[in-house]
Protein backbone atom coordinates (compact mmCIF):
# COMPACT_ATOMS: atom_id res chain seq x y z
CA MET A 1 235.07 88.77 -6.25
CA ALA A 2 237.90 87.63 -8.32
CA THR A 3 241.56 87.97 -6.98
CA MET A 4 245.04 87.81 -8.75
CA SER A 5 248.04 86.39 -7.04
CA GLY A 6 246.44 86.81 -3.68
CA ARG A 7 245.66 90.24 -4.20
CA ARG A 8 242.23 91.69 -3.98
CA CYS A 9 241.47 93.46 -7.40
CA GLY A 10 239.41 95.90 -7.05
CA GLY A 11 235.77 96.43 -9.07
CA PRO A 12 235.06 99.52 -10.93
CA PHE A 13 232.60 100.88 -8.06
CA GLU A 14 235.59 100.33 -5.60
CA ARG A 15 238.04 102.14 -7.54
CA GLY A 16 235.32 104.68 -8.40
CA LEU A 17 234.71 104.79 -4.43
CA ARG A 18 238.52 105.50 -4.19
CA THR A 19 238.56 108.18 -6.78
CA ARG A 20 235.71 110.35 -5.40
CA GLY A 21 236.71 109.75 -1.99
CA SER A 22 240.13 111.14 -2.83
CA ALA A 23 238.39 114.14 -5.03
CA ARG A 24 236.10 114.81 -1.82
CA ALA A 25 238.79 115.06 0.52
CA ALA A 26 240.46 117.25 -1.88
CA ALA A 27 237.52 119.56 -2.21
CA GLU A 28 236.75 119.48 1.79
CA PRO A 29 238.02 122.65 3.39
CA TYR A 30 241.12 122.40 5.60
CA GLU A 31 239.02 122.46 8.63
CA TRP A 32 236.88 119.67 8.02
CA ARG A 33 240.17 117.48 7.04
CA GLN A 34 242.14 118.55 10.23
CA ARG A 35 239.29 117.63 12.44
CA PHE A 36 238.52 114.56 10.69
CA GLY A 37 242.64 112.86 10.42
CA GLY A 38 243.76 115.32 7.50
CA ALA A 39 247.40 115.91 7.85
CA ARG A 40 247.69 119.42 6.15
CA LYS A 41 246.62 122.40 8.03
CA GLY A 42 245.03 125.31 6.63
CA PRO A 43 243.10 127.91 7.12
CA VAL A 44 239.66 127.97 8.63
CA SER A 45 236.46 127.59 6.08
CA ALA A 46 234.53 131.11 5.24
CA GLY A 47 231.76 130.07 7.47
CA ALA A 48 233.67 130.19 10.89
CA SER A 49 234.13 132.61 13.27
CA SER A 50 238.11 133.20 14.25
CA PRO A 51 239.00 134.57 17.83
CA ILE A 52 240.29 137.40 16.40
CA ALA A 53 236.86 138.29 14.38
CA LEU A 54 235.09 137.91 17.69
CA GLY A 55 237.32 139.99 19.67
CA ALA A 56 236.91 142.73 16.69
CA ALA A 57 233.28 142.45 16.75
CA ALA A 58 233.31 142.69 20.37
CA ALA A 59 235.59 145.70 20.42
CA VAL A 60 233.11 147.31 17.98
CA VAL A 61 230.04 146.68 20.17
CA VAL A 62 231.78 147.77 23.23
CA LEU A 63 233.48 151.20 21.82
CA GLY A 64 229.62 151.71 20.62
CA GLY A 65 227.86 151.72 24.02
CA VAL A 66 230.61 153.40 25.31
CA TRP A 67 229.93 156.56 22.69
CA TYR A 68 226.26 156.01 23.07
CA VAL A 69 226.19 156.67 27.08
CA ALA A 70 228.72 159.31 26.89
CA THR A 71 226.68 161.39 24.23
CA LEU A 72 223.59 160.48 26.81
CA ARG A 73 225.22 162.00 29.53
CA ALA A 74 226.47 164.71 27.84
CA GLN A 75 222.78 166.06 26.72
CA ASN A 76 221.80 165.40 30.28
CA ALA A 77 224.37 167.21 31.57
CA MET A 78 223.48 170.36 29.39
CA LEU A 79 219.60 170.31 29.97
CA ARG A 80 220.23 170.22 33.40
CA GLU A 81 222.28 173.32 33.47
CA GLN A 82 219.92 174.91 31.28
CA ILE A 83 217.05 174.44 33.90
CA ALA A 84 219.36 175.66 36.72
CA GLY A 85 220.27 178.78 34.67
CA TYR A 86 216.62 179.21 34.04
CA GLU A 87 215.82 178.22 38.16
CA ARG A 88 218.32 181.04 38.94
CA ALA A 89 216.65 183.50 36.57
CA ALA A 90 213.32 182.74 38.34
CA LEU A 91 214.30 182.92 41.63
CA ALA A 92 216.08 186.37 41.27
CA GLN A 93 212.75 187.82 39.72
CA GLU A 94 211.17 186.28 42.87
CA ARG A 95 213.06 187.89 45.00
CA GLY A 96 213.36 191.37 43.19
CA ALA A 97 209.31 191.35 43.60
CA GLU A 98 209.43 190.53 47.08
CA ARG A 99 212.02 193.63 47.80
CA ALA A 100 209.55 195.89 45.54
CA THR A 101 206.77 194.70 47.62
CA ALA A 102 208.39 195.12 50.65
CA GLU A 103 209.95 198.79 50.32
CA PRO A 104 208.46 201.93 50.77
CA LYS A 105 207.87 203.77 47.41
CA PRO A 106 208.83 207.43 47.39
CA ALA A 107 206.58 210.12 46.99
CA SER A 108 205.96 211.65 43.69
CA ARG A 109 207.26 215.71 43.72
CA GLY A 110 204.85 217.24 41.37
CA SER A 111 203.52 215.30 39.23
CA ALA A 112 201.05 212.41 39.52
CA SER A 113 203.27 209.58 38.07
CA SER A 114 205.84 208.07 40.40
CA ASP A 115 207.82 206.80 37.64
CA SER A 116 211.14 208.43 37.94
CA ARG A 117 213.24 205.86 35.95
CA PRO A 118 214.78 207.30 32.32
CA GLN A 119 213.61 206.20 29.48
CA ARG A 120 215.61 203.65 27.19
CA MET A 121 216.11 204.82 23.79
CA LEU A 122 218.00 203.71 20.77
CA SER A 123 220.48 205.76 19.09
CA ASP A 124 220.63 206.06 15.36
CA GLU A 125 223.89 204.18 15.06
CA GLN A 126 222.35 201.15 17.23
CA ARG A 127 219.09 200.81 14.76
CA GLU A 128 221.56 200.77 12.02
CA ALA A 129 223.50 198.03 13.43
CA MET A 130 220.44 195.94 14.49
CA ARG A 131 218.81 196.46 11.28
CA SER A 132 222.25 195.28 9.46
CA THR A 133 222.00 191.91 11.67
CA LEU A 134 218.28 191.50 11.46
CA SER A 135 217.97 192.00 7.62
CA ALA A 136 219.76 188.47 6.91
CA GLU A 137 216.49 187.01 7.77
CA PRO A 138 213.47 188.70 6.35
CA GLY A 139 209.92 187.42 6.68
CA ARG A 140 210.70 186.02 10.05
CA ARG A 141 208.21 186.27 12.72
CA VAL A 142 209.22 187.56 17.01
CA TRP A 143 207.17 187.79 19.74
CA PHE A 144 207.58 190.23 22.70
CA VAL A 145 206.51 190.03 26.55
CA ARG A 146 206.87 192.89 28.81
CA GLN A 147 206.46 194.52 32.37
CA PRO A 148 202.93 194.92 32.89
CA ASN A 149 202.08 198.72 34.04
CA ASP A 150 205.48 199.90 33.25
CA PRO A 151 205.27 202.86 30.55
CA GLU A 152 209.08 202.93 30.02
CA ALA A 153 209.21 199.11 29.40
CA GLU A 154 206.49 199.70 26.72
CA SER A 155 207.94 202.51 25.04
CA PHE A 156 211.23 200.53 24.98
CA GLN A 157 209.75 197.57 23.36
CA ARG A 158 207.86 199.39 20.98
CA GLU A 159 211.39 200.45 19.98
CA LEU A 160 212.72 197.23 19.34
CA GLU A 161 209.71 196.35 17.65
CA ALA A 162 209.65 198.89 15.37
CA VAL A 163 213.50 198.19 14.15
CA PHE A 164 212.32 194.78 13.77
CA GLN A 165 209.76 195.72 11.20
CA GLU A 166 211.96 197.80 9.51
CA SER A 167 214.41 194.55 8.99
CA GLY A 168 211.26 192.77 7.28
CA TRP A 169 210.26 190.69 10.19
CA GLU A 170 206.56 190.23 11.75
CA ILE A 171 205.58 191.19 14.83
CA ALA A 172 203.77 187.62 15.84
CA GLY A 173 202.49 188.29 19.64
CA SER A 174 203.04 191.28 21.97
CA SER A 175 201.73 191.35 25.42
CA GLU A 176 202.27 191.79 29.20
CA ALA A 177 203.50 189.16 31.43
CA SER A 178 201.49 187.89 34.20
CA TYR A 179 204.02 188.03 36.69
CA ARG A 180 206.95 190.50 37.79
CA ILE A 181 210.02 190.80 35.43
CA LYS A 182 213.27 191.16 36.66
CA ALA A 183 214.86 194.42 35.29
CA GLY A 184 216.74 193.97 31.98
CA LEU A 185 216.06 192.56 28.66
CA PHE A 186 215.75 188.65 28.19
CA MET A 187 215.44 186.20 25.37
CA TYR A 188 214.08 182.49 25.65
CA MET A 189 215.03 180.37 22.85
CA ALA A 190 212.23 177.33 22.91
CA ASP A 191 214.57 174.55 21.80
CA ALA A 192 218.00 173.40 23.02
CA GLU A 193 219.53 173.71 19.69
CA PRO A 194 217.82 177.22 18.10
CA ALA A 195 217.56 177.56 14.16
CA ASP A 196 219.47 180.17 12.65
CA HIS A 197 216.85 182.88 12.59
CA VAL A 198 216.83 182.45 16.36
CA TRP A 199 220.21 183.40 16.90
CA THR A 200 219.87 186.15 14.38
CA ALA A 201 217.32 187.58 16.42
CA LEU A 202 219.44 187.37 19.37
CA ASN A 203 222.55 189.05 17.32
CA GLY A 204 220.52 191.67 16.42
CA LEU A 205 220.02 193.15 20.09
CA ARG A 206 223.47 192.26 20.81
CA ALA A 207 224.55 194.61 17.81
CA THR A 208 223.10 197.45 19.85
CA GLY A 209 225.65 197.10 22.47
CA LEU A 210 222.85 195.50 24.92
CA GLU A 211 223.59 192.39 26.57
CA PRO A 212 220.52 190.47 27.27
CA PHE A 213 220.10 187.36 29.26
CA ALA A 214 219.49 184.25 26.74
CA GLY A 215 218.54 180.64 27.78
CA THR A 216 217.96 177.75 25.32
CA GLY A 217 215.80 175.02 26.13
CA TYR A 218 212.68 176.89 27.57
CA ARG A 219 209.87 175.05 26.21
CA ALA A 220 211.21 171.84 28.39
CA TYR A 221 211.99 174.00 31.42
CA TYR A 222 208.64 175.55 31.43
CA GLU A 223 206.66 172.21 31.13
CA LYS A 224 208.97 170.89 33.77
CA LYS A 225 208.16 173.63 36.21
CA LYS A 226 204.50 173.79 35.19
CA ALA A 227 204.35 169.97 35.90
CA GLU A 228 206.05 170.62 39.49
CA ASP A 229 203.82 173.37 40.32
CA PRO A 230 200.83 174.11 38.46
CA SER A 231 200.75 177.35 39.85
CA PHE A 232 204.16 178.16 38.05
CA ARG A 233 204.02 181.61 35.77
CA GLY A 234 206.45 182.16 33.18
CA ASN A 235 206.52 182.36 29.44
CA GLU A 236 203.88 179.84 27.98
CA LEU A 237 205.59 179.33 24.09
CA ALA A 238 202.78 178.32 21.33
CA PRO A 239 203.86 175.28 19.63
CA GLU A 240 205.18 177.31 16.47
CA GLN A 241 206.77 179.92 18.98
CA ASP A 242 210.38 179.75 18.27
CA PHE A 243 211.46 182.43 21.11
CA VAL A 244 210.26 185.39 23.07
CA ILE A 245 212.01 188.50 23.93
CA VAL A 246 211.15 189.50 27.46
CA VAL A 247 211.25 193.68 28.26
CA GLY A 248 211.89 194.11 31.89
CA PRO A 249 212.04 197.59 34.04
CA ASN A 250 214.86 199.36 33.35
CA PRO A 251 218.00 198.34 35.17
CA ASP A 252 219.48 202.11 35.08
CA SER A 253 216.32 203.33 37.29
CA ALA A 254 217.17 206.29 39.35
CA THR A 255 216.94 206.00 42.69
């Protein structure tokens, strides 16, 4: 290769290498230049992850996990409380049935019927208040279960059924329980989060001034109890059944 005055004269190829090398160095990301001897420091390339970005992503993952676990714990606690409520109600019914069996029944006076309980009846004002509430959801269905061999409970159930029908509801089921019901009025809702029309039915009962025992998540409770004890007797809900109104004996029974 020719030299001039002791200096090496680079040909076009060498000059081209130097030119292209300089352009490449200028085009390389700052991080690459810093790693391989570049004097200038600059921002990290788009493909790399900074410690701040990684920390933020980790924080999002941790917070998401904490929220998910907290939600599961809250749902489990609510379900346990619902099941405990049903178990307390079932225990009270069993104890009531045991007392009714153990206590001697007073002899009837001048009548073949020993039922001295007063009859529950709805006043005109109560019926109107109930209709006003139930009329917001016409075309819905309602199910009833009543205390067996109890004329008073059956008569009161018929009164309630009549108001539901007057409000545009359909009586989808009416039967006697296979177990002894505790005195009072009950409404068991199938789901943990009932639909709006289910709450309307409950509010219709409450509009009369009655305070029925009401509980949600009954389907899960019944299935759990049935799995633990196949002889358990409760209110088995059909797949399409949202709730059931249970009419027990009159709590204001005469003594």
